[in-house]
Protein backbone atom coordinates (compact mmCIF):
# COMPACT_ATOMS: atom_id res chain seq x y z
CA MET A 1 49.59 288.04 191.91
CA ASN A 2 53.21 287.84 192.97
CA LYS A 3 56.38 287.07 191.05
CA ASN A 4 56.26 283.32 191.75
CA ARG A 5 52.73 283.09 190.33
CA TYR A 6 53.94 284.85 187.18
CA THR A 7 56.77 282.35 186.88
CA LYS A 8 54.40 279.36 187.23
CA LEU A 9 52.11 280.81 184.59
CA PHE A 10 55.00 281.26 182.15
CA ASP A 11 56.11 277.67 182.78
CA ARG A 12 53.06 276.58 180.78
CA ILE A 13 54.41 278.38 177.71
CA LYS A 14 56.95 276.40 175.66
CA ALA A 15 59.75 278.95 175.58
CA ASP A 16 63.31 279.19 176.73
CA ASP A 17 63.58 279.44 180.53
CA ASP A 18 65.87 282.44 180.34
CA ALA A 19 63.42 284.25 178.07
CA VAL A 20 60.58 283.76 180.60
CA ARG A 21 62.73 284.81 183.54
CA ASN A 22 63.98 287.93 181.79
CA ALA A 23 60.45 288.95 180.79
CA VAL A 24 59.14 288.68 184.37
CA ASP A 25 62.17 290.41 185.86
CA SER A 26 61.80 293.31 183.45
CA ILE A 27 58.34 294.03 184.84
CA TYR A 28 59.36 293.94 188.51
CA GLU A 29 62.77 295.47 188.08
CA LYS A 30 61.82 299.04 189.09
CA GLU A 31 58.95 301.02 190.52
CA THR A 32 58.46 302.75 187.20
CA THR A 33 59.67 301.76 183.70
CA ASP A 34 59.48 304.31 180.89
CA VAL A 35 58.56 303.19 177.43
CA GLY A 36 58.52 306.41 175.46
CA GLU A 37 55.83 308.45 177.23
CA PHE A 38 54.06 305.31 178.50
CA LYS A 39 54.68 304.15 182.13
CA LEU A 40 54.17 300.78 183.80
CA THR A 41 53.73 300.92 187.60
CA ARG A 42 52.86 298.46 190.39
CA ASN A 43 49.51 300.17 190.78
CA MET A 44 48.60 299.45 187.13
CA ASN A 45 46.05 296.69 186.43
CA LEU A 46 47.87 293.38 186.87
CA LYS A 47 45.96 291.85 183.96
CA PHE A 48 47.53 294.41 181.63
CA VAL A 49 50.99 293.70 183.00
CA HIS A 50 50.38 290.00 182.57
CA ALA A 51 49.31 290.55 178.94
CA VAL A 52 52.42 292.56 178.20
CA ALA A 53 54.67 289.84 179.59
CA VAL A 54 52.90 287.08 177.70
CA ALA A 55 53.12 289.06 174.47
CA LEU A 56 56.83 289.62 175.03
CA VAL A 57 57.53 285.92 175.44
CA PHE A 58 55.44 284.99 172.41
CA VAL A 59 57.45 287.46 170.35
CA LEU A 60 60.65 285.82 171.55
CA VAL A 61 59.32 282.33 170.84
CA LEU A 62 58.05 283.35 167.39
CA GLY A 63 61.30 285.03 166.38
CA VAL A 64 63.74 282.48 167.77
CA TYR A 65 61.97 279.15 167.32
CA ILE A 66 59.18 279.48 164.78
CA LEU A 67 60.19 282.01 162.10
CA PRO A 68 63.96 282.15 161.88
CA ILE A 69 64.97 284.71 159.24
CA THR A 70 67.04 283.17 156.44
CA PRO A 71 68.63 285.65 154.03
CA LYS A 72 67.95 284.98 150.33
CA ALA A 73 70.87 283.48 148.43
CA ASP A 74 72.76 285.86 146.18
CA ASN A 75 72.23 285.75 142.41
CA CYS A 76 74.91 283.57 140.84
CA PHE A 77 75.49 280.81 138.30
CA VAL A 78 78.10 278.39 137.07
CA VAL A 79 78.38 276.64 133.71
CA LYS A 80 78.56 272.85 133.55
CA ALA A 81 78.99 270.12 130.96
CA GLY A 82 77.30 267.15 132.54
CA ALA A 83 78.66 266.90 136.08
CA SER A 84 81.84 268.87 135.31
CA GLU A 85 82.04 272.58 135.99
CA ILE A 86 83.52 274.62 133.15
CA ASN A 87 86.14 277.11 134.37
CA SER A 88 88.89 279.29 132.94
CA ILE A 89 91.77 277.10 134.15
CA SER A 90 91.25 273.68 132.61
CA SER A 91 89.20 272.51 129.64
CA VAL A 92 86.26 270.11 129.76
CA GLU A 93 85.64 267.69 126.90
CA ILE A 94 82.04 267.83 125.70
CA GLY A 95 82.05 265.40 122.77
CA GLU A 96 83.37 264.43 119.36
CA LEU A 97 82.83 266.54 116.26
CA LYS A 98 81.03 264.33 113.76
CA GLY A 99 79.89 264.38 110.15
CA GLU A 100 80.77 263.09 106.72
CA ASN A 101 84.19 264.28 105.59
CA ASN A 102 82.96 264.98 102.07
CA ALA A 103 79.93 266.98 103.29
CA ILE A 104 81.34 270.20 101.90
CA ARG A 105 80.18 272.96 99.60
CA ILE A 106 82.50 274.12 96.82
CA CYS A 107 82.37 277.40 94.94
CA PHE A 108 84.05 277.76 91.54
CA ASP A 109 85.16 281.00 89.93
CA ASP A 110 84.73 281.99 86.27
CA SER A 111 87.82 280.01 85.28
CA ASP A 112 86.47 276.81 86.86
CA LYS A 113 88.94 276.98 89.72
CA VAL A 114 87.87 276.44 93.31
CA SER A 115 87.61 279.76 95.12
CA TYR A 116 85.76 278.76 98.28
CA LEU A 117 85.25 275.64 100.41
CA VAL A 118 82.91 275.37 103.40
CA GLN A 119 82.57 272.35 105.64
CA CYS A 120 80.27 271.78 108.64
CA LYS A 121 80.25 269.26 111.51
CA VAL A 122 78.06 268.71 114.56
CA VAL A 123 78.56 267.86 118.24
CA ASP A 124 76.16 267.19 121.11
CA PHE A 125 75.79 270.20 123.40
CA PRO A 126 75.49 269.15 127.08
CA VAL A 127 76.41 272.63 128.35
CA MET A 128 73.98 274.11 130.88
CA CYS A 129 74.02 276.67 133.65
CA THR A 130 73.00 276.17 137.26
CA GLY A 131 72.73 278.62 140.14
CA ASN A 132 70.47 280.67 142.41
CA ASN A 133 67.34 282.66 141.53
CA ILE A 134 67.64 282.04 137.77
CA GLU A 135 64.52 282.51 135.66
CA LYS A 136 65.85 281.85 132.15
CA VAL A 137 69.10 281.37 130.23
CA THR A 138 70.14 282.68 126.80
CA TYR A 139 72.68 280.88 124.62
CA LYS A 140 74.29 282.78 121.74
CA VAL A 141 76.88 281.27 119.41
CA LYS A 142 79.73 283.46 118.16
CA GLY A 143 82.04 282.77 115.27
CA ASN A 144 81.44 280.14 112.61
CA GLY A 145 78.68 278.14 114.20
CA TYR A 146 74.98 277.78 114.96
CA PHE A 147 72.60 275.72 117.07
CA ALA A 148 70.32 273.00 115.77
CA LEU A 149 67.26 272.91 118.05
CA HIS A 150 65.10 269.81 118.35
CA ARG A 151 61.91 270.14 116.33
CA ASP A 152 59.78 269.37 119.44
CA VAL A 153 61.78 271.45 121.91
CA GLN A 154 59.85 272.86 124.89
CA GLY A 155 60.43 275.93 127.04
CA VAL A 156 62.37 277.84 124.37
CA SER A 157 61.65 281.44 123.34
CA ASP A 158 63.29 284.44 121.68
CA VAL A 159 64.91 282.32 118.99
CA GLU A 160 67.23 284.15 116.61
CA TYR A 161 67.12 282.00 113.52
CA VAL A 162 69.99 281.76 111.04
CA GLU A 163 70.19 283.88 107.95
CA LYS A 164 67.43 283.51 105.39
CA ALA A 165 67.81 280.98 102.61
CA PRO A 166 70.20 282.01 99.82
CA THR A 167 68.73 283.90 96.90
CA SER A 168 71.60 283.60 94.42
CA TYR A 169 73.89 280.86 93.20
CA GLU A 170 76.91 282.41 94.89
CA GLU A 171 75.09 282.69 98.21
CA GLU A 172 73.92 279.12 97.87
CA GLN A 173 77.44 277.85 97.27
CA LYS A 174 78.69 279.54 100.43
CA TYR A 175 75.67 278.70 102.59
CA PRO A 176 76.82 276.56 105.59
CA TYR A 177 73.59 276.01 107.50
CA ASP A 178 72.27 272.92 105.75
CA LEU A 179 75.46 270.88 105.42
CA ALA A 180 75.47 269.02 108.74
CA ASP A 181 73.12 266.07 109.19
CA THR A 182 71.31 266.95 112.43
CA GLY A 183 68.40 264.50 112.20
CA ASP A 184 65.44 265.64 114.30
CA TYR A 185 67.25 268.86 115.20
CA THR A 186 65.76 270.85 112.38
CA LYS A 187 65.52 274.42 113.74
CA LYS A 188 68.69 276.38 112.94
CA ALA A 189 69.41 279.25 115.34
CA LEU A 190 72.18 281.66 116.25
CA ALA A 191 70.68 282.25 119.70
CA TYR A 192 67.83 281.04 121.87
CA THR A 193 66.44 281.53 125.38
CA VAL A 194 65.28 278.61 127.50
CA ASP A 195 63.43 278.47 130.81
CA TYR A 196 65.84 277.58 133.60
CA ASP A 197 64.03 274.35 134.51
CA ALA A 198 63.69 273.35 130.84
CA GLN A 199 67.46 273.09 130.28
CA ASN A 200 68.62 269.60 129.28
CA GLU A 201 71.03 267.93 126.90
CA ALA A 202 68.28 267.24 124.34
CA VAL A 203 67.51 270.91 123.63
CA ALA A 204 70.20 271.59 121.01
CA LYS A 205 73.24 270.42 119.11
CA LEU A 206 76.14 272.68 118.23
CA CYS A 207 77.14 272.93 114.57
CA LEU A 208 80.58 274.30 113.66
CA TYR A 209 81.61 275.22 110.16
CA THR A 210 84.93 276.24 108.70
CA VAL A 211 85.94 277.97 105.52
CA ASP A 212 88.88 277.81 103.13
CA ASP A 213 88.60 281.06 101.20
CA GLY A 214 91.07 280.78 98.33
CA ASP A 215 93.76 279.08 100.42
CA LYS A 216 95.73 275.88 99.94
CA TYR A 217 92.82 273.44 99.93
CA CYS A 218 91.09 275.41 97.23
CA ASP A 219 94.26 275.04 95.20
CA SER A 220 94.60 271.34 96.07
CA TYR A 221 91.01 270.66 95.13
CA SER A 222 91.39 272.55 91.86
CA GLU A 223 94.18 270.16 90.92
CA THR A 224 91.70 267.26 90.97
CA ILE A 225 89.52 268.76 88.22
CA TYR A 226 89.70 267.07 84.86
CA PHE A 227 87.53 266.69 81.78
CA GLU A 228 85.81 263.33 81.33
CA GLU A 229 85.58 262.79 77.57
CA SER A 230 83.20 259.85 77.83
CA ASP A 231 80.33 261.99 79.03
CA GLY A 232 81.67 265.43 78.18
CA SER A 233 81.74 266.75 81.75
CA PHE A 234 84.23 268.01 84.26
CA VAL A 235 85.01 265.72 87.20
CA HIS A 236 86.52 266.90 90.44
CA GLY A 237 87.45 265.56 93.89
CA LYS A 238 88.97 262.28 92.78
CA ASP A 239 91.59 261.06 95.27
CA PHE A 240 91.18 264.25 97.26
CA ASP A 241 92.08 263.89 100.96
CA TYR A 242 88.87 265.12 102.51
CA GLU A 243 89.84 263.82 105.92
CA MET A 244 93.10 265.74 105.99
CA MET A 245 91.29 268.90 104.93
CA TYR A 246 88.70 268.31 107.65
CA LEU A 247 91.38 267.86 110.32
CA ASP A 248 93.51 270.68 109.01
CA ILE A 249 91.21 273.60 108.31
CA PHE A 250 89.14 272.95 111.44
CA THR A 251 92.30 273.41 113.51
CA ASP A 252 93.91 276.25 111.56
CA GLY A 253 96.63 274.03 110.15
CA ASP A 254 97.80 272.74 113.54
CA TYR A 255 98.95 269.20 112.77
CA SER A 256 99.93 268.36 116.35
CA VAL A 257 97.90 265.84 118.28
CA ASP A 258 96.43 266.79 121.69
CA ALA A 259 96.80 270.54 121.08
CA ILE A 260 93.53 272.42 121.59
CA ASN A 261 92.74 275.32 119.28
CA TYR A 262 90.30 277.87 120.76
CA SER A 263 90.47 280.51 118.03
CA ASP A 264 87.21 280.30 116.07
CA TYR A 265 84.20 279.40 118.19
CA SER A 266 82.52 280.51 121.42
CA VAL A 267 79.11 280.54 123.14
CA GLU A 268 77.90 283.44 125.27
CA ILE A 269 75.64 282.33 128.12
CA THR A 270 73.48 284.92 129.87
CA ALA A 271 71.48 284.16 133.02
CA THR A 272 68.43 286.34 133.69
CA PHE A 273 67.58 286.35 137.39
CA GLU A 274 64.18 286.63 139.05
CA ASP A 275 64.83 290.29 139.93
CA GLY A 276 65.47 291.14 136.25
CA THR A 277 69.26 291.49 136.49
CA GLN A 278 71.56 289.57 134.16
CA GLU A 279 75.03 288.06 134.20
CA SER A 280 76.96 286.70 131.19
CA LYS A 281 79.85 284.30 130.74
CA THR A 282 81.60 283.27 127.54
CA VAL A 283 82.53 279.64 126.90
CA ASN A 284 85.31 279.21 124.35
CA ILE A 285 84.97 276.13 122.17
CA GLY A 286 88.21 274.37 121.26
CA LEU A 287 89.09 271.49 118.94
CA GLU A 288 91.67 268.83 119.71
CA LYS A 289 93.09 266.21 117.38
CA THR A 290 93.08 262.88 119.18
CA LYS A 291 94.03 259.37 118.17
CA LYS A 292 91.35 256.74 118.62
CA ASN A 293 91.37 252.97 118.28
CA TYR A 294 89.03 251.29 115.82
CA ASP A 295 85.93 249.88 117.53
CA SER A 296 85.83 246.85 115.27
CA GLY A 297 89.02 245.45 116.72
CA GLU A 298 91.12 246.40 113.70
CA ASP A 299 94.71 247.21 114.37
CA GLY A 300 95.76 250.83 114.24
CA GLU A 301 94.31 254.20 115.10
CA TYR A 302 92.49 257.02 113.40
CA THR A 303 92.30 260.74 114.16
CA VAL A 304 89.17 262.49 115.46
CA LEU A 305 88.41 266.01 116.61
CA ASN A 306 87.23 266.27 120.21
CA VAL A 307 85.41 269.40 121.28
CA HIS A 308 86.44 271.14 124.50
CA ALA A 309 84.94 273.97 126.53
CA LYS A 310 86.70 276.55 128.68
CA LEU A 311 85.54 279.82 130.24
CA SER A 312 86.95 283.00 128.82
CA GLU A 313 89.16 284.78 131.34
């Protein structure tokens, strides 16, 4: 069989023309070609030479056309709130902090003066992480807050529940974890792990609480206490400005509108990758006083607290 017959035979194989030509030429290039200690010569069985050439072309076809090697994507993740990526440069609004203004717990001292106030509010938590090769994600709240998980939540494990129920009157008066009305979100947790594909906005709500420990609102509230002679009991809270306290102590006394306070709350998010490695990012939670128009068409505005998220630098 001569070189032209080899070329015609290779034309039947669906491979690049240059690959076929180079394979044939490599066989006829020299009298003897060394491959380690193995030698191919013109006197060698032509069937063997033909098999070697065919195998060479099939290797080229397989590597170039059939099984291209694609490197695996690097482990990585970003944090999002809805469609918006959360970064360390600009804040992303995630919702409005909601709850009854008078949903507070008050602790009195031995002289019937207010020594401690705790107040708790709730916001939807649309924060999730997305990325490559992620197996599961852990969310851990830091500061004065906790998660309320839906009672029928799926794909959640390693839940770190909040502190046990109070065992004394003083503990009960300072207990913040049952103040916010979270509806069907009945499981209170400081941290939880969720399967990557099970992440969604319905998994949890974020509850934030704030404390006035013997400061000005304790004093202001104490001033409302008086003795009601008609029924022989002490009354307190009359004409107290719960809304101002709510807006004030949740923002550390910052009365300015549109200023975001990031001092008290954060969520640490840890991605566990398929190879067992982990990476963590901290999302700072900020509160912003914002004016809002009444939905009913009434004239005027009222103040709300919007919740913002921003990556820690």
